[in-house]
N, C-alpha and C. Protein backbone atom coordinates (compact mmCIF):
# COMPACT_ATOMS: atom_id res chain seq x y z
N MET A 1 59.49 4.26 -128.30
CA MET A 1 59.55 5.05 -129.52
C MET A 1 60.00 4.11 -130.63
N GLY A 2 60.70 4.63 -131.61
CA GLY A 2 61.30 3.74 -132.58
C GLY A 2 60.73 3.83 -133.96
N THR A 3 60.92 2.73 -134.67
CA THR A 3 60.59 2.68 -136.09
C THR A 3 59.10 2.89 -136.35
N THR A 4 58.25 2.31 -135.51
CA THR A 4 56.82 2.45 -135.71
C THR A 4 56.39 3.91 -135.61
N ASP A 5 56.90 4.60 -134.59
CA ASP A 5 56.57 6.02 -134.43
C ASP A 5 57.11 6.83 -135.59
N ASP A 6 58.31 6.52 -136.05
CA ASP A 6 58.89 7.22 -137.19
C ASP A 6 58.01 7.06 -138.42
N ALA A 7 57.53 5.84 -138.65
CA ALA A 7 56.69 5.57 -139.81
C ALA A 7 55.35 6.30 -139.71
N LYS A 8 54.78 6.30 -138.52
CA LYS A 8 53.51 7.02 -138.32
C LYS A 8 53.68 8.51 -138.55
N ASN A 9 54.76 9.06 -138.02
CA ASN A 9 55.02 10.50 -138.19
C ASN A 9 55.24 10.84 -139.65
N LYS A 10 55.98 10.00 -140.36
CA LYS A 10 56.23 10.24 -141.79
C LYS A 10 54.92 10.15 -142.57
N ALA A 11 54.08 9.17 -142.23
CA ALA A 11 52.80 9.02 -142.92
C ALA A 11 51.91 10.25 -142.69
N GLU A 12 51.92 10.76 -141.45
CA GLU A 12 51.12 11.95 -141.14
C GLU A 12 51.65 13.17 -141.90
N GLU A 13 52.98 13.26 -141.99
CA GLU A 13 53.58 14.38 -142.73
C GLU A 13 53.22 14.30 -144.22
N LEU A 14 53.28 13.10 -144.78
CA LEU A 14 52.93 12.93 -146.19
C LEU A 14 51.45 13.23 -146.44
N LYS A 15 50.61 12.83 -145.50
CA LYS A 15 49.18 13.14 -145.61
C LYS A 15 48.98 14.66 -145.63
N GLY A 16 49.73 15.36 -144.78
CA GLY A 16 49.66 16.82 -144.74
C GLY A 16 50.12 17.44 -146.04
N ARG A 17 51.17 16.87 -146.62
CA ARG A 17 51.66 17.38 -147.91
C ARG A 17 50.61 17.18 -148.99
N GLY A 18 49.93 16.04 -148.93
CA GLY A 18 48.86 15.78 -149.90
C GLY A 18 47.72 16.78 -149.77
N LYS A 19 47.34 17.06 -148.53
CA LYS A 19 46.27 18.04 -148.30
C LYS A 19 46.70 19.42 -148.80
N GLU A 20 47.94 19.79 -148.51
CA GLU A 20 48.44 21.09 -148.95
C GLU A 20 48.43 21.17 -150.47
N ALA A 21 48.87 20.10 -151.13
CA ALA A 21 48.89 20.08 -152.59
C ALA A 21 47.47 20.15 -153.16
N ALA A 22 46.56 19.38 -152.55
CA ALA A 22 45.17 19.40 -153.01
C ALA A 22 44.57 20.79 -152.82
N GLY A 23 44.88 21.42 -151.71
CA GLY A 23 44.39 22.77 -151.46
C GLY A 23 44.94 23.77 -152.47
N SER A 24 46.19 23.58 -152.86
CA SER A 24 46.78 24.46 -153.87
C SER A 24 46.12 24.26 -155.23
N LEU A 25 45.88 23.00 -155.57
CA LEU A 25 45.27 22.70 -156.87
C LEU A 25 43.84 23.20 -156.97
N THR A 26 43.11 23.11 -155.87
CA THR A 26 41.70 23.50 -155.89
C THR A 26 41.48 24.92 -155.40
N ASP A 27 42.56 25.60 -155.08
CA ASP A 27 42.51 26.97 -154.55
C ASP A 27 41.68 27.03 -153.26
N ASP A 28 41.84 25.98 -152.43
CA ASP A 28 41.15 25.88 -151.15
C ASP A 28 42.16 26.21 -150.05
N GLN A 29 42.16 27.44 -149.61
CA GLN A 29 43.15 27.91 -148.63
C GLN A 29 43.00 27.16 -147.31
N SER A 30 41.77 26.84 -146.93
CA SER A 30 41.54 26.13 -145.68
C SER A 30 42.20 24.75 -145.70
N LEU A 31 42.03 24.02 -146.79
CA LEU A 31 42.64 22.70 -146.93
C LEU A 31 44.16 22.80 -146.98
N LYS A 32 44.64 23.81 -147.66
CA LYS A 32 46.09 24.05 -147.75
C LYS A 32 46.66 24.31 -146.35
N ASN A 33 45.99 25.15 -145.58
CA ASN A 33 46.45 25.45 -144.22
C ASN A 33 46.36 24.22 -143.31
N GLU A 34 45.32 23.43 -143.49
CA GLU A 34 45.18 22.20 -142.71
C GLU A 34 46.35 21.25 -143.00
N GLY A 35 46.72 21.16 -144.26
CA GLY A 35 47.86 20.33 -144.64
C GLY A 35 49.14 20.82 -144.02
N LYS A 36 49.35 22.12 -144.02
CA LYS A 36 50.55 22.68 -143.39
C LYS A 36 50.55 22.40 -141.90
N GLY A 37 49.39 22.50 -141.28
CA GLY A 37 49.28 22.20 -139.84
C GLY A 37 49.58 20.74 -139.55
N ASP A 38 49.07 19.85 -140.40
CA ASP A 38 49.35 18.42 -140.23
C ASP A 38 50.85 18.16 -140.33
N GLN A 39 51.50 18.80 -141.27
CA GLN A 39 52.94 18.62 -141.44
C GLN A 39 53.71 19.12 -140.21
N ALA A 40 53.33 20.27 -139.72
CA ALA A 40 54.01 20.84 -138.55
C ALA A 40 53.80 19.94 -137.33
N HIS A 41 52.59 19.42 -137.18
CA HIS A 41 52.29 18.54 -136.06
C HIS A 41 53.15 17.28 -136.15
N ALA A 42 53.23 16.68 -137.32
CA ALA A 42 54.02 15.47 -137.51
C ALA A 42 55.50 15.74 -137.26
N GLN A 43 55.99 16.86 -137.72
CA GLN A 43 57.40 17.19 -137.51
C GLN A 43 57.69 17.42 -136.03
N GLY A 44 56.75 18.03 -135.34
CA GLY A 44 56.91 18.23 -133.90
C GLY A 44 56.95 16.91 -133.16
N LYS A 45 56.05 16.00 -133.52
CA LYS A 45 56.04 14.68 -132.90
C LYS A 45 57.34 13.93 -133.19
N GLN A 46 57.87 14.10 -134.38
CA GLN A 46 59.12 13.43 -134.74
C GLN A 46 60.27 13.96 -133.88
N LYS A 47 60.31 15.26 -133.65
CA LYS A 47 61.36 15.85 -132.81
C LYS A 47 61.27 15.31 -131.39
N ILE A 48 60.05 15.17 -130.88
CA ILE A 48 59.85 14.62 -129.54
C ILE A 48 60.33 13.17 -129.49
N THR A 49 60.00 12.40 -130.52
CA THR A 49 60.43 11.01 -130.60
C THR A 49 61.95 10.93 -130.61
N GLU A 50 62.60 11.77 -131.39
CA GLU A 50 64.06 11.77 -131.47
C GLU A 50 64.68 12.15 -130.12
N ALA A 51 64.09 13.12 -129.44
CA ALA A 51 64.61 13.53 -128.14
C ALA A 51 64.45 12.41 -127.12
N ALA A 52 63.30 11.76 -127.13
CA ALA A 52 63.06 10.66 -126.20
C ALA A 52 64.03 9.51 -126.46
N ASP A 53 64.27 9.21 -127.73
CA ASP A 53 65.23 8.16 -128.07
C ASP A 53 66.63 8.52 -127.60
N ALA A 54 67.01 9.78 -127.72
CA ALA A 54 68.33 10.22 -127.28
C ALA A 54 68.46 10.08 -125.76
N VAL A 55 67.42 10.48 -125.03
CA VAL A 55 67.43 10.36 -123.57
C VAL A 55 67.52 8.89 -123.18
N LYS A 56 66.74 8.05 -123.83
CA LYS A 56 66.77 6.62 -123.53
C LYS A 56 68.18 6.06 -123.78
N GLY A 57 68.80 6.47 -124.85
CA GLY A 57 70.16 6.03 -125.14
C GLY A 57 71.14 6.43 -124.05
N LYS A 58 71.02 7.65 -123.56
CA LYS A 58 71.90 8.13 -122.49
C LYS A 58 71.64 7.36 -121.19
N ILE A 59 70.40 7.08 -120.90
CA ILE A 59 70.06 6.31 -119.70
C ILE A 59 70.66 4.91 -119.81
N ASP A 60 70.54 4.31 -120.98
CA ASP A 60 71.13 2.98 -121.19
C ASP A 60 72.65 3.02 -121.01
N ASP A 61 73.29 4.09 -121.48
CA ASP A 61 74.74 4.23 -121.31
C ASP A 61 75.12 4.27 -119.83
N VAL A 62 74.36 5.03 -119.05
CA VAL A 62 74.62 5.14 -117.62
C VAL A 62 74.39 3.79 -116.94
N LYS A 63 73.32 3.10 -117.30
CA LYS A 63 73.05 1.78 -116.72
C LYS A 63 74.21 0.83 -117.03
N ASP A 64 74.69 0.86 -118.26
CA ASP A 64 75.80 -0.02 -118.65
C ASP A 64 77.06 0.28 -117.82
N LYS A 65 77.34 1.55 -117.60
CA LYS A 65 78.51 1.93 -116.81
C LYS A 65 78.36 1.48 -115.37
N LEU A 66 77.17 1.63 -114.84
CA LEU A 66 76.94 1.25 -113.43
C LEU A 66 76.99 -0.27 -113.23
N THR A 67 76.57 -1.01 -114.24
CA THR A 67 76.57 -2.48 -114.11
C THR A 67 77.84 -3.10 -114.63
N GLY A 68 78.72 -2.30 -115.22
CA GLY A 68 80.00 -2.78 -115.71
C GLY A 68 79.93 -3.47 -117.06
N HIS A 69 78.93 -3.18 -117.84
CA HIS A 69 78.80 -3.80 -119.18
C HIS A 69 79.43 -2.95 -120.25
């Protein structure tokens, strides 16, 4: 996981915001909804990334305790 995934998720979220804004400006409900969906998808992926990072951190803590580091 890490910084690369965070950047990709943020870029996808920003792309979704752009689509939503464009849909609002052009009164295109479909594009607006697509943008909202893109944002939700990116936010969901970010939550998964954060959870995986937290689990990895806990695993590393246990490894350190077992090896005496």
